[in-house]
Amino acid sequence: MISTTEFLQTFKKFSKEQQLEIARKISRQMFAETFKRIDGELPDVDVSEEEVMQALKEVRYGNKKKA
């Protein structure tokens, strides 16, 4: 394994376009790994389509659900 400093020095040798592509790939991979990790920690909750639509409307239109 190489150090962060070595990686960054090597990364700087790539063209800007290549750097962007590398960064995108790293970002996608990190998102996938993070989602996989936290998805296992979150409970599965049964939610109806109606409940989802109501929540979206509340966010979109600023309606507060009365408790």
PDB file of N, CA and C in Angstrom:
ATOM      1  N   MET A   1       0.849  -1.172   0.000  1.00  0.00           N
ATOM      2  CA  MET A   1       0.000   0.000   0.000  1.00  0.00           C
ATOM      3  C   MET A   1       0.901   1.244   0.000  1.00  0.00           C
ATOM      4  N   ILE A   2       0.459   2.291  -0.709  1.00  0.00           N
ATOM      5  CA  ILE A   2       1.232   3.527  -0.742  1.00  0.00           C
ATOM      6  C   ILE A   2       0.615   4.538   0.224  1.00  0.00           C
ATOM      7  N   SER A   3       1.418   5.497   0.612  1.00  0.00           N
ATOM      8  CA  SER A   3       0.937   6.523   1.536  1.00  0.00           C
ATOM      9  C   SER A   3       0.057   7.521   0.797  1.00  0.00           C
ATOM     10  N   THR A   4      -0.673   8.298   1.566  1.00  0.00           N
ATOM     11  CA  THR A   4      -1.517   9.350   0.993  1.00  0.00           C
ATOM     12  C   THR A   4      -0.671  10.334   0.204  1.00  0.00           C
ATOM     13  N   THR A   5       0.481  10.696   0.748  1.00  0.00           N
ATOM     14  CA  THR A   5       1.378  11.639   0.072  1.00  0.00           C
ATOM     15  C   THR A   5       1.837  11.081  -1.270  1.00  0.00           C
ATOM     16  N   GLU A   6       2.216   9.809  -1.291  1.00  0.00           N
ATOM     17  CA  GLU A   6       2.648   9.186  -2.548  1.00  0.00           C
ATOM     18  C   GLU A   6       1.499   9.151  -3.559  1.00  0.00           C
ATOM     19  N   PHE A   7       0.314   8.828  -3.070  1.00  0.00           N
ATOM     20  CA  PHE A   7      -0.846   8.791  -3.959  1.00  0.00           C
ATOM     21  C   PHE A   7      -1.085  10.163  -4.582  1.00  0.00           C
ATOM     22  N   LEU A   8      -1.084  11.196  -3.750  1.00  0.00           N
ATOM     23  CA  LEU A   8      -1.347  12.552  -4.253  1.00  0.00           C
ATOM     24  C   LEU A   8      -0.273  13.007  -5.225  1.00  0.00           C
ATOM     25  N   GLN A   9       0.963  12.657  -4.966  1.00  0.00           N
ATOM     26  CA  GLN A   9       2.039  13.007  -5.904  1.00  0.00           C
ATOM     27  C   GLN A   9       1.823  12.328  -7.250  1.00  0.00           C
ATOM     28  N   THR A  10       1.416  11.071  -7.221  1.00  0.00           N
ATOM     29  CA  THR A  10       1.132  10.340  -8.457  1.00  0.00           C
ATOM     30  C   THR A  10      -0.104  10.906  -9.140  1.00  0.00           C
ATOM     31  N   PHE A  11      -1.134  11.215  -8.351  1.00  0.00           N
ATOM     32  CA  PHE A  11      -2.385  11.768  -8.864  1.00  0.00           C
ATOM     33  C   PHE A  11      -2.136  13.055  -9.642  1.00  0.00           C
ATOM     34  N   LYS A  12      -1.247  13.892  -9.149  1.00  0.00           N
ATOM     35  CA  LYS A  12      -0.945  15.179  -9.799  1.00  0.00           C
ATOM     36  C   LYS A  12      -0.303  15.009 -11.171  1.00  0.00           C
ATOM     37  N   LYS A  13       0.241  13.834 -11.445  1.00  0.00           N
ATOM     38  CA  LYS A  13       0.874  13.563 -12.735  1.00  0.00           C
ATOM     39  C   LYS A  13      -0.144  13.334 -13.845  1.00  0.00           C
ATOM     40  N   PHE A  14      -1.383  13.038 -13.479  1.00  0.00           N
ATOM     41  CA  PHE A  14      -2.437  12.820 -14.468  1.00  0.00           C
ATOM     42  C   PHE A  14      -2.959  14.153 -14.986  1.00  0.00           C
ATOM     43  N   SER A  15      -3.540  14.123 -16.174  1.00  0.00           N
ATOM     44  CA  SER A  15      -4.158  15.331 -16.725  1.00  0.00           C
ATOM     45  C   SER A  15      -5.373  15.696 -15.869  1.00  0.00           C
ATOM     46  N   LYS A  16      -5.845  16.923 -16.002  1.00  0.00           N
ATOM     47  CA  LYS A  16      -7.017  17.367 -15.227  1.00  0.00           C
ATOM     48  C   LYS A  16      -8.227  16.493 -15.530  1.00  0.00           C
ATOM     49  N   GLU A  17      -8.421  16.123 -16.792  1.00  0.00           N
ATOM     50  CA  GLU A  17      -9.546  15.258 -17.159  1.00  0.00           C
ATOM     51  C   GLU A  17      -9.428  13.892 -16.483  1.00  0.00           C
ATOM     52  N   GLN A  18      -8.228  13.342 -16.477  1.00  0.00           N
ATOM     53  CA  GLN A  18      -8.013  12.052 -15.829  1.00  0.00           C
ATOM     54  C   GLN A  18      -8.215  12.167 -14.320  1.00  0.00           C
ATOM     55  N   GLN A  19      -7.765  13.282 -13.734  1.00  0.00           N
ATOM     56  CA  GLN A  19      -7.963  13.499 -12.301  1.00  0.00           C
ATOM     57  C   GLN A  19      -9.445  13.534 -11.965  1.00  0.00           C
ATOM     58  N   LEU A  20     -10.240  14.202 -12.796  1.00  0.00           N
ATOM     59  CA  LEU A  20     -11.682  14.259 -12.567  1.00  0.00           C
ATOM     60  C   LEU A  20     -12.309  12.876 -12.650  1.00  0.00           C
ATOM     61  N   GLU A  21     -11.898  12.085 -13.623  1.00  0.00           N
ATOM     62  CA  GLU A  21     -12.438  10.737 -13.767  1.00  0.00           C
ATOM     63  C   GLU A  21     -12.051   9.872 -12.568  1.00  0.00           C
ATOM     64  N   ILE A  22     -10.809   9.969 -12.130  1.00  0.00           N
ATOM     65  CA  ILE A  22     -10.361   9.219 -10.953  1.00  0.00           C
ATOM     66  C   ILE A  22     -11.168   9.647  -9.731  1.00  0.00           C
ATOM     67  N   ALA A  23     -11.339  10.944  -9.560  1.00  0.00           N
ATOM     68  CA  ALA A  23     -12.094  11.464  -8.413  1.00  0.00           C
ATOM     69  C   ALA A  23     -13.539  10.981  -8.444  1.00  0.00           C
ATOM     70  N   ARG A  24     -14.149  10.966  -9.622  1.00  0.00           N
ATOM     71  CA  ARG A  24     -15.527  10.475  -9.747  1.00  0.00           C
ATOM     72  C   ARG A  24     -15.618   8.998  -9.349  1.00  0.00           C
ATOM     73  N   LYS A  25     -14.667   8.212  -9.819  1.00  0.00           N
ATOM     74  CA  LYS A  25     -14.673   6.780  -9.499  1.00  0.00           C
ATOM     75  C   LYS A  25     -14.492   6.559  -8.000  1.00  0.00           C
ATOM     76  N   ILE A  26     -13.585   7.311  -7.391  1.00  0.00           N
ATOM     77  CA  ILE A  26     -13.378   7.189  -5.948  1.00  0.00           C
ATOM     78  C   ILE A  26     -14.645   7.592  -5.211  1.00  0.00           C
ATOM     79  N   SER A  27     -15.270   8.675  -5.648  1.00  0.00           N
ATOM     80  CA  SER A  27     -16.490   9.151  -5.005  1.00  0.00           C
ATOM     81  C   SER A  27     -17.603   8.112  -5.088  1.00  0.00           C
ATOM     82  N   ARG A  28     -17.804   7.529  -6.269  1.00  0.00           N
ATOM     83  CA  ARG A  28     -18.837   6.494  -6.429  1.00  0.00           C
ATOM     84  C   ARG A  28     -18.547   5.276  -5.551  1.00  0.00           C
ATOM     85  N   GLN A  29     -17.282   4.872  -5.520  1.00  0.00           N
ATOM     86  CA  GLN A  29     -16.914   3.706  -4.720  1.00  0.00           C
ATOM     87  C   GLN A  29     -17.123   3.993  -3.239  1.00  0.00           C
ATOM     88  N   MET A  30     -16.744   5.164  -2.772  1.00  0.00           N
ATOM     89  CA  MET A  30     -16.908   5.505  -1.361  1.00  0.00           C
ATOM     90  C   MET A  30     -18.381   5.610  -0.994  1.00  0.00           C
ATOM     91  N   PHE A  31     -19.200   6.175  -1.896  1.00  0.00           N
ATOM     92  CA  PHE A  31     -20.638   6.248  -1.641  1.00  0.00           C
ATOM     93  C   PHE A  31     -21.213   4.849  -1.495  1.00  0.00           C
ATOM     94  N   ALA A  32     -20.853   3.964  -2.422  1.00  0.00           N
ATOM     95  CA  ALA A  32     -21.383   2.599  -2.390  1.00  0.00           C
ATOM     96  C   ALA A  32     -20.967   1.879  -1.109  1.00  0.00           C
ATOM     97  N   GLU A  33     -19.708   2.027  -0.719  1.00  0.00           N
ATOM     98  CA  GLU A  33     -19.228   1.365   0.494  1.00  0.00           C
ATOM     99  C   GLU A  33     -19.896   1.947   1.735  1.00  0.00           C
ATOM    100  N   THR A  34     -20.044   3.262   1.777  1.00  0.00           N
ATOM    101  CA  THR A  34     -20.684   3.909   2.929  1.00  0.00           C
ATOM    102  C   THR A  34     -22.149   3.510   3.012  1.00  0.00           C
ATOM    103  N   PHE A  35     -22.851   3.514   1.867  1.00  0.00           N
ATOM    104  CA  PHE A  35     -24.261   3.136   1.865  1.00  0.00           C
ATOM    105  C   PHE A  35     -24.431   1.691   2.325  1.00  0.00           C
ATOM    106  N   LYS A  36     -23.577   0.819   1.835  1.00  0.00           N
ATOM    107  CA  LYS A  36     -23.659  -0.592   2.223  1.00  0.00           C
ATOM    108  C   LYS A  36     -23.470  -0.740   3.731  1.00  0.00           C
ATOM    109  N   ARG A  37     -22.528   0.009   4.292  1.00  0.00           N
ATOM    110  CA  ARG A  37     -22.256  -0.076   5.733  1.00  0.00           C
ATOM    111  C   ARG A  37     -23.428   0.447   6.551  1.00  0.00           C
ATOM    112  N   ILE A  38     -23.941   1.637   6.199  1.00  0.00           N
ATOM    113  CA  ILE A  38     -25.012   2.211   7.011  1.00  0.00           C
ATOM    114  C   ILE A  38     -26.355   1.543   6.742  1.00  0.00           C
ATOM    115  N   ASP A  39     -26.543   0.985   5.543  1.00  0.00           N
ATOM    116  CA  ASP A  39     -27.800   0.302   5.230  1.00  0.00           C
ATOM    117  C   ASP A  39     -28.016  -0.871   6.178  1.00  0.00           C
ATOM    118  N   GLY A  40     -26.948  -1.557   6.529  1.00  0.00           N
ATOM    119  CA  GLY A  40     -27.054  -2.679   7.449  1.00  0.00           C
ATOM    120  C   GLY A  40     -27.391  -2.258   8.868  1.00  0.00           C
ATOM    121  N   GLU A  41     -27.110  -1.001   9.196  1.00  0.00           N
ATOM    122  CA  GLU A  41     -27.379  -0.495  10.545  1.00  0.00           C
ATOM    123  C   GLU A  41     -28.800   0.061  10.684  1.00  0.00           C
ATOM    124  N   LEU A  42     -29.431   0.370   9.565  1.00  0.00           N
ATOM    125  CA  LEU A  42     -30.760   0.970   9.597  1.00  0.00           C
ATOM    126  C   LEU A  42     -31.839  -0.104   9.634  1.00  0.00           C
ATOM    127  N   PRO A  43     -32.897   0.142  10.398  1.00  0.00           N
ATOM    128  CA  PRO A  43     -33.980  -0.857  10.452  1.00  0.00           C
ATOM    129  C   PRO A  43     -34.813  -0.823   9.168  1.00  0.00           C
ATOM    130  N   ASP A  44     -35.377  -1.966   8.816  1.00  0.00           N
ATOM    131  CA  ASP A  44     -36.322  -2.027   7.707  1.00  0.00           C
ATOM    132  C   ASP A  44     -37.679  -1.601   8.247  1.00  0.00           C
ATOM    133  N   VAL A  45     -38.275  -0.621   7.605  1.00  0.00           N
ATOM    134  CA  VAL A  45     -39.554  -0.088   8.056  1.00  0.00           C
ATOM    135  C   VAL A  45     -40.549  -0.202   6.907  1.00  0.00           C
ATOM    136  N   ASP A  46     -41.710  -0.776   7.215  1.00  0.00           N
ATOM    137  CA  ASP A  46     -42.757  -0.857   6.199  1.00  0.00           C
ATOM    138  C   ASP A  46     -43.412   0.508   6.073  1.00  0.00           C
ATOM    139  N   VAL A  47     -43.383   1.054   4.875  1.00  0.00           N
ATOM    140  CA  VAL A  47     -43.980   2.358   4.604  1.00  0.00           C
ATOM    141  C   VAL A  47     -44.822   2.214   3.345  1.00  0.00           C
ATOM    142  N   SER A  48     -46.047   2.690   3.421  1.00  0.00           N
ATOM    143  CA  SER A  48     -46.930   2.589   2.262  1.00  0.00           C
ATOM    144  C   SER A  48     -46.585   3.693   1.259  1.00  0.00           C
ATOM    145  N   GLU A  49     -47.010   3.482   0.033  1.00  0.00           N
ATOM    146  CA  GLU A  49     -46.810   4.495  -0.996  1.00  0.00           C
ATOM    147  C   GLU A  49     -47.507   5.796  -0.602  1.00  0.00           C
ATOM    148  N   GLU A  50     -48.669   5.674   0.014  1.00  0.00           N
ATOM    149  CA  GLU A  50     -49.422   6.850   0.455  1.00  0.00           C
ATOM    150  C   GLU A  50     -48.629   7.656   1.489  1.00  0.00           C
ATOM    151  N   GLU A  51     -47.985   6.961   2.428  1.00  0.00           N
ATOM    152  CA  GLU A  51     -47.179   7.646   3.439  1.00  0.00           C
ATOM    153  C   GLU A  51     -45.978   8.355   2.815  1.00  0.00           C
ATOM    154  N   VAL A  52     -45.366   7.720   1.832  1.00  0.00           N
ATOM    155  CA  VAL A  52     -44.233   8.333   1.140  1.00  0.00           C
ATOM    156  C   VAL A  52     -44.691   9.582   0.411  1.00  0.00           C
ATOM    157  N   MET A  53     -45.806   9.494  -0.316  1.00  0.00           N
ATOM    158  CA  MET A  53     -46.315  10.649  -1.063  1.00  0.00           C
ATOM    159  C   MET A  53     -46.692  11.787  -0.118  1.00  0.00           C
ATOM    160  N   GLN A  54     -47.285  11.467   1.024  1.00  0.00           N
ATOM    161  CA  GLN A  54     -47.649  12.488   2.001  1.00  0.00           C
ATOM    162  C   GLN A  54     -46.397  13.194   2.525  1.00  0.00           C
ATOM    163  N   ALA A  55     -45.364  12.424   2.825  1.00  0.00           N
ATOM    164  CA  ALA A  55     -44.120  13.013   3.326  1.00  0.00           C
ATOM    165  C   ALA A  55     -43.483  13.912   2.264  1.00  0.00           C
ATOM    166  N   LEU A  56     -43.509  13.479   1.006  1.00  0.00           N
ATOM    167  CA  LEU A  56     -42.969  14.303  -0.072  1.00  0.00           C
ATOM    168  C   LEU A  56     -43.740  15.614  -0.216  1.00  0.00           C
ATOM    169  N   LYS A  57     -45.055  15.534  -0.129  1.00  0.00           N
ATOM    170  CA  LYS A  57     -45.881  16.743  -0.217  1.00  0.00           C
ATOM    171  C   LYS A  57     -45.585  17.696   0.932  1.00  0.00           C
ATOM    172  N   GLU A  58     -45.380  17.141   2.127  1.00  0.00           N
ATOM    173  CA  GLU A  58     -45.074  17.976   3.288  1.00  0.00           C
ATOM    174  C   GLU A  58     -43.753  18.716   3.101  1.00  0.00           C
ATOM    175  N   VAL A  59     -42.779  18.019   2.550  1.00  0.00           N
ATOM    176  CA  VAL A  59     -41.483  18.654   2.305  1.00  0.00           C
ATOM    177  C   VAL A  59     -41.591  19.673   1.174  1.00  0.00           C
ATOM    178  N   ARG A  60     -42.243  19.276   0.097  1.00  0.00           N
ATOM    179  CA  ARG A  60     -42.348  20.136  -1.076  1.00  0.00           C
ATOM    180  C   ARG A  60     -43.146  21.404  -0.794  1.00  0.00           C
ATOM    181  N   TYR A  61     -44.241  21.254  -0.114  1.00  0.00           N
ATOM    182  CA  TYR A  61     -45.137  22.397   0.078  1.00  0.00           C
ATOM    183  C   TYR A  61     -45.042  23.021   1.474  1.00  0.00           C
ATOM    184  N   GLY A  62     -44.180  22.483   2.323  1.00  0.00           N
ATOM    185  CA  GLY A  62     -43.961  23.054   3.628  1.00  0.00           C
ATOM    186  C   GLY A  62     -45.072  22.801   4.630  1.00  0.00           C
ATOM    187  N   ASN A  63     -45.923  21.824   4.348  1.00  0.00           N
ATOM    188  CA  ASN A  63     -46.990  21.503   5.288  1.00  0.00           C
ATOM    189  C   ASN A  63     -46.428  20.726   6.454  1.00  0.00           C
ATOM    190  N   LYS A  64     -46.809  21.124   7.651  1.00  0.00           N
ATOM    191  CA  LYS A  64     -46.364  20.430   8.853  1.00  0.00           C
ATOM    192  C   LYS A  64     -47.455  19.460   9.279  1.00  0.00           C
ATOM    193  N   LYS A  65     -47.039  18.255   9.600  1.00  0.00           N
ATOM    194  CA  LYS A  65     -47.991  17.262  10.073  1.00  0.00           C
ATOM    195  C   LYS A  65     -48.311  17.587  11.526  1.00  0.00           C
ATOM    196  N   LYS A  66     -49.578  17.708  11.837  1.00  0.00           N
ATOM    197  CA  LYS A  66     -49.992  18.048  13.205  1.00  0.00           C
ATOM    198  C   LYS A  66     -49.936  16.812  14.077  1.00  0.00           C
ATOM    199  N   ALA A  67     -49.298  16.972  15.239  1.00  0.00           N
ATOM    200  CA  ALA A  67     -49.144  15.840  16.151  1.00  0.00           C
ATOM    201  C   ALA A  67     -50.324  15.715  17.076  1.00  0.00           C
TER     202      ALA A  67
END
